[in-house]
Amino acid sequence: MADPVIHPSAVIDPAATIGEGCEIGPFCVVGPDVTLGRSVVLRSHVVVTGKTSIGDETMVFPFASIGEVPQDLKFRGESTRLEIGARNRIREYVTMNPGTEGGGGVTRIGDDGLFMAGSHVAHDCQIGNHVILVNNASVAGHCVLEDDVIVGGLSGVHQFVRIGRGAMIGAVTMVTADVIPFGLVQGPRGHLDGLNLVGLKRRGASREEIFALRDMLGKLGQGSFRDTARQMTSDQTGPMVREVLDFILGPSDRSFLAPHS
């Protein structure tokens, strides 16, 4: 593996850990507690600071700010971390913050994500694999986005919200409550608008699985999500329906986005 290639104008603290094959472009700044994995690319004008680790083959584009202190008035400089997985694409002007003491101390980003220009991941978030944040999407503190979630452009996710695997949030949507796996949410104040059928078909869900999810969604819409989910747990259900029911009955104090009545 080749030695790192570092532009003469870049400012790299001697204590930083730079992996083999990294490329660090003009006017980048890398702090002392930063660890860059193998073949990480910082294109130009990128700031990586704090206790931040970036996984192998991740590419960060100009003017991104990674690992700066959280936008939380309760933060008092405590030692917290930002952990970014492998093969992510972090586009221009993206901001990602480390955790806070009150939120567990670590923000985690999974593998193979795409974070488009101007998107934001706040403190203490837990972001899964293959997640896409479209331009200027913002995820507030303490949120959980499971694998394969897509958040549309100019959308916002309220703090402490959970978004289940494979869900899609439409553009210009404000998400104020939990979103079930495979759900489709859209609207200025988001409501559950059915299933993310495009995402389900892309990941190979069968017609039977989709019909079972639709049937479950119809039953959930007839009453309290949690009460209905508890009643349905004794039914013979497939793995996708079971995943949604487990998500609904999981640890959360928030309500759920429901279909329009």
Protein backbone atom coordinates (compact mmCIF):
# COMPACT_ATOMS: atom_id res chain seq x y z
CA MET A 1 0.00 0.00 0.00
CA ALA A 2 1.29 3.46 -0.91
CA ASP A 3 2.29 6.12 1.58
CA PRO A 4 -0.20 8.94 2.22
CA VAL A 5 -0.19 11.82 -0.25
CA ILE A 6 -0.52 15.15 1.60
CA HIS A 7 -0.67 18.54 -0.10
CA PRO A 8 1.92 21.02 1.22
CA SER A 9 -0.80 23.49 2.25
CA ALA A 10 -2.62 20.97 4.46
CA VAL A 11 -2.21 21.35 8.25
CA ILE A 12 -1.87 17.91 9.84
CA ASP A 13 -1.20 17.62 13.57
CA PRO A 14 1.78 15.31 14.15
CA ALA A 15 -0.29 13.28 16.63
CA ALA A 16 -2.97 12.41 14.05
CA THR A 17 -3.06 8.84 12.71
CA ILE A 18 -3.05 8.78 8.92
CA GLY A 19 -3.64 5.43 7.23
CA GLU A 20 -1.88 3.98 4.23
CA GLY A 21 -2.92 5.34 0.87
CA CYS A 22 -4.73 8.40 2.23
CA GLU A 23 -4.96 11.52 0.09
CA ILE A 24 -5.23 14.87 1.86
CA GLY A 25 -5.79 17.81 -0.47
CA PRO A 26 -5.11 21.55 -0.32
CA PHE A 27 -5.95 23.54 2.81
CA CYS A 28 -7.31 20.62 4.83
CA VAL A 29 -6.96 20.68 8.63
CA VAL A 30 -6.63 17.45 10.63
CA GLY A 31 -6.53 17.55 14.44
CA PRO A 32 -4.41 15.56 16.91
CA ASP A 33 -7.06 13.03 17.98
CA VAL A 34 -8.13 12.12 14.44
CA THR A 35 -7.68 8.64 12.96
CA LEU A 36 -8.01 8.20 9.20
CA GLY A 37 -8.32 4.63 7.95
CA ARG A 38 -6.81 3.19 4.80
CA SER A 39 -7.29 5.14 1.54
CA VAL A 40 -9.41 7.92 3.05
CA VAL A 41 -9.61 10.94 0.74
CA LEU A 42 -10.05 14.54 1.96
CA ARG A 43 -10.50 16.49 -1.26
CA SER A 44 -9.72 20.08 -0.15
CA HIS A 45 -10.67 22.62 2.56
CA VAL A 46 -11.91 19.82 4.84
CA VAL A 47 -11.74 20.17 8.64
CA VAL A 48 -11.56 16.97 10.69
CA THR A 49 -11.12 17.54 14.41
CA GLY A 50 -12.05 16.18 17.84
CA LYS A 51 -11.82 12.48 18.71
CA THR A 52 -12.89 11.40 15.25
CA SER A 53 -12.24 8.18 13.35
CA ILE A 54 -13.01 7.80 9.64
CA GLY A 55 -13.19 4.33 8.12
CA ASP A 56 -11.39 2.94 5.09
CA GLU A 57 -12.04 4.38 1.61
CA THR A 58 -14.34 7.14 2.81
CA MET A 59 -14.22 10.29 0.68
CA VAL A 60 -14.88 13.75 2.14
CA PHE A 61 -15.53 16.65 -0.22
CA PRO A 62 -14.62 20.35 0.09
CA PHE A 63 -15.73 22.49 3.04
CA ALA A 64 -17.10 19.63 5.13
CA SER A 65 -16.72 20.08 8.90
CA ILE A 66 -16.30 16.76 10.67
CA GLY A 67 -15.96 16.35 14.45
CA GLU A 68 -16.39 19.95 15.59
CA VAL A 69 -18.03 20.46 19.01
CA PRO A 70 -21.76 19.67 19.24
CA GLN A 71 -24.36 22.38 18.72
CA ASP A 72 -25.66 21.76 22.23
CA LEU A 73 -25.58 24.49 24.88
CA LYS A 74 -25.15 21.83 27.58
CA PHE A 75 -21.81 20.72 26.09
CA ARG A 76 -18.92 21.71 28.37
CA GLY A 77 -15.96 20.29 26.50
CA GLU A 78 -16.23 16.74 27.80
CA SER A 79 -14.32 14.01 25.96
CA THR A 80 -16.67 12.49 23.37
CA ARG A 81 -16.28 10.79 19.99
CA LEU A 82 -17.43 10.65 16.37
CA GLU A 83 -17.04 7.27 14.65
CA ILE A 84 -17.54 7.12 10.87
CA GLY A 85 -17.53 3.79 9.05
CA ALA A 86 -16.06 2.70 5.73
CA ARG A 87 -16.76 3.74 2.13
CA ASN A 88 -18.94 6.72 2.96
CA ARG A 89 -19.33 9.68 0.60
CA ILE A 90 -19.52 12.92 2.57
CA ARG A 91 -20.24 15.77 0.19
CA GLU A 92 -19.67 19.52 0.29
CA TYR A 93 -20.57 21.52 3.44
CA VAL A 94 -21.71 18.47 5.40
CA THR A 95 -21.44 18.80 9.21
CA MET A 96 -21.15 15.88 11.64
CA ASN A 97 -20.75 16.36 15.40
CA PRO A 98 -19.47 14.07 18.16
CA GLY A 99 -21.56 12.93 21.09
CA THR A 100 -22.27 14.55 24.43
CA GLU A 101 -21.91 13.22 27.95
CA GLY A 102 -25.67 13.21 28.43
CA GLY A 103 -26.27 11.29 25.21
CA GLY A 104 -23.83 8.44 25.61
CA GLY A 105 -20.70 10.22 24.38
CA VAL A 106 -20.52 8.95 20.82
CA THR A 107 -22.05 9.68 17.42
CA ARG A 108 -21.82 6.69 15.07
CA ILE A 109 -22.10 6.59 11.29
CA GLY A 110 -22.25 3.19 9.58
CA ASP A 111 -20.76 2.05 6.28
CA ASP A 112 -21.54 2.89 2.65
CA GLY A 113 -23.59 6.02 3.32
CA LEU A 114 -24.14 9.02 1.07
CA PHE A 115 -24.40 12.37 2.83
CA MET A 116 -25.22 14.95 0.17
CA ALA A 117 -24.26 18.61 0.16
CA GLY A 118 -25.25 20.61 3.23
CA SER A 119 -26.67 17.72 5.24
CA HIS A 120 -26.17 17.54 9.01
CA VAL A 121 -25.79 14.75 11.58
CA ALA A 122 -26.06 16.08 15.13
CA HIS A 123 -24.62 14.83 18.42
CA ASP A 124 -25.32 11.33 19.75
CA CYS A 125 -27.01 10.11 16.57
CA GLN A 126 -26.73 6.45 15.58
CA ILE A 127 -26.80 6.14 11.79
CA GLY A 128 -26.88 2.70 10.12
CA ASN A 129 -25.41 1.36 6.90
CA HIS A 130 -26.41 2.45 3.38
CA VAL A 131 -28.16 5.57 4.68
CA ILE A 132 -28.71 8.51 2.32
CA LEU A 133 -29.26 12.09 3.47
CA VAL A 134 -30.21 14.19 0.47
CA ASN A 135 -29.12 17.84 0.12
CA ASN A 136 -29.69 19.95 3.26
CA ALA A 137 -31.41 17.21 5.21
CA SER A 138 -30.81 17.64 8.95
CA VAL A 139 -30.92 14.99 11.67
CA ALA A 140 -31.18 16.41 15.20
CA GLY A 141 -29.50 15.02 18.31
CA HIS A 142 -30.04 11.51 19.74
CA CYS A 143 -31.80 10.18 16.61
CA VAL A 144 -31.54 6.59 15.38
CA LEU A 145 -31.64 5.90 11.64
CA GLU A 146 -31.51 2.21 10.86
CA ASP A 147 -30.00 0.65 7.72
CA ASP A 148 -31.17 1.71 4.24
CA VAL A 149 -33.02 4.85 5.36
CA ILE A 150 -33.37 7.72 2.88
CA VAL A 151 -34.12 11.25 4.10
CA GLY A 152 -35.21 13.60 1.29
CA GLY A 153 -33.83 17.03 0.57
CA LEU A 154 -34.59 19.93 2.93
CA SER A 155 -36.18 17.57 5.45
CA GLY A 156 -35.69 17.68 9.20
CA VAL A 157 -35.75 14.91 11.79
CA HIS A 158 -36.69 15.93 15.36
CA GLN A 159 -34.39 14.94 18.22
CA PHE A 160 -34.82 11.46 19.73
CA VAL A 161 -36.78 10.18 16.72
CA ARG A 162 -36.20 6.63 15.46
CA ILE A 163 -36.55 5.77 11.77
CA GLY A 164 -36.80 2.07 11.02
CA ARG A 165 -34.90 0.11 8.40
CA GLY A 166 -35.75 0.79 4.79
CA ALA A 167 -38.01 3.79 5.49
CA MET A 168 -38.09 6.76 3.14
CA ILE A 169 -38.73 10.39 4.11
CA GLY A 170 -39.94 12.58 1.25
CA ALA A 171 -38.49 15.99 0.46
CA VAL A 172 -39.38 19.04 2.60
CA THR A 173 -40.80 16.93 5.41
CA MET A 174 -40.62 17.53 9.17
CA VAL A 175 -40.43 14.22 11.03
CA THR A 176 -41.61 14.63 14.64
CA ALA A 177 -42.35 11.03 15.67
CA ASP A 178 -40.98 7.54 15.09
CA VAL A 179 -41.25 5.98 11.63
CA ILE A 180 -41.87 2.25 11.24
CA PRO A 181 -39.50 0.14 9.11
CA PHE A 182 -40.28 0.31 5.38
CA GLY A 183 -42.62 3.27 5.89
CA LEU A 184 -43.03 6.18 3.48
CA VAL A 185 -43.44 9.58 5.16
CA GLN A 186 -44.03 12.90 3.44
CA GLY A 187 -45.66 16.27 3.98
CA PRO A 188 -44.79 19.57 5.72
CA ARG A 189 -45.69 17.84 8.99
CA GLY A 190 -44.96 14.29 7.99
CA HIS A 191 -47.61 11.56 8.09
CA LEU A 192 -47.28 7.91 7.21
CA ASP A 193 -48.22 7.62 3.55
CA GLY A 194 -48.00 3.89 3.09
CA LEU A 195 -44.95 1.72 2.42
CA ASN A 196 -41.66 2.53 0.76
CA LEU A 197 -42.53 0.26 -2.18
CA VAL A 198 -39.59 1.36 -4.31
CA GLY A 199 -37.13 0.51 -1.54
CA LEU A 200 -38.82 -2.83 -0.80
CA LYS A 201 -38.67 -3.89 -4.46
CA ARG A 202 -35.04 -2.80 -4.75
CA ARG A 203 -34.06 -5.07 -1.86
CA GLY A 204 -35.96 -8.01 -3.33
CA ALA A 205 -39.04 -8.20 -1.12
CA SER A 206 -41.54 -10.72 -2.46
CA ARG A 207 -45.16 -9.91 -3.35
CA GLU A 208 -46.25 -11.99 -0.36
CA GLU A 209 -44.04 -9.96 2.01
CA ILE A 210 -45.35 -6.66 0.59
CA PHE A 211 -48.98 -7.82 0.88
CA ALA A 212 -48.33 -8.91 4.48
CA LEU A 213 -46.85 -5.50 5.31
CA ARG A 214 -49.84 -3.75 3.71
CA ASP A 215 -52.24 -5.90 5.72
CA MET A 216 -50.33 -5.13 8.92
CA LEU A 217 -50.35 -1.39 8.15
CA GLY A 218 -54.11 -1.45 7.68
CA LYS A 219 -54.58 -3.08 11.07
CA LEU A 220 -52.19 -0.66 12.76
CA GLY A 221 -54.19 2.27 11.42
CA GLN A 222 -57.30 1.14 13.31
CA GLY A 223 -56.06 2.02 16.80
CA SER A 224 -53.03 2.60 18.99
CA PHE A 225 -49.89 1.36 17.25
CA ARG A 226 -48.47 -0.22 20.40
CA ASP A 227 -51.72 -1.84 21.54
CA THR A 228 -52.40 -3.24 18.09
CA ALA A 229 -48.81 -4.44 17.72
CA ARG A 230 -49.02 -6.30 21.04
CA GLN A 231 -52.19 -8.04 19.84
CA MET A 232 -50.50 -9.01 16.58
CA THR A 233 -47.37 -10.51 18.12
CA SER A 234 -49.14 -13.83 18.66
CA ASP A 235 -50.03 -14.08 14.96
CA GLN A 236 -47.97 -16.10 12.50
CA THR A 237 -46.02 -13.38 10.70
CA GLY A 238 -43.11 -13.17 8.29
CA PRO A 239 -39.73 -11.65 9.18
CA MET A 240 -40.51 -8.18 7.76
CA VAL A 241 -43.80 -7.86 9.63
CA ARG A 242 -42.08 -9.15 12.77
CA GLU A 243 -39.36 -6.51 12.34
CA VAL A 244 -41.96 -3.74 12.23
CA LEU A 245 -43.78 -5.09 15.29
CA ASP A 246 -40.51 -5.39 17.23
CA PHE A 247 -39.64 -1.82 16.26
CA ILE A 248 -43.01 -0.51 17.49
CA LEU A 249 -42.64 -2.32 20.80
CA GLY A 250 -39.00 -1.26 21.21
CA PRO A 251 -37.64 1.28 23.72
CA SER A 252 -38.98 4.74 22.89
CA ASP A 253 -41.07 7.39 24.60
CA ARG A 254 -42.16 8.96 21.33
CA SER A 255 -45.38 8.42 19.44
CA PHE A 256 -45.53 7.13 15.86
CA LEU A 257 -46.36 8.84 12.63
CA ALA A 258 -49.68 7.38 11.51
CA PRO A 259 -51.69 7.47 8.26
CA HIS A 260 -54.17 10.26 7.67
CA SER A 261 -57.61 9.19 8.86
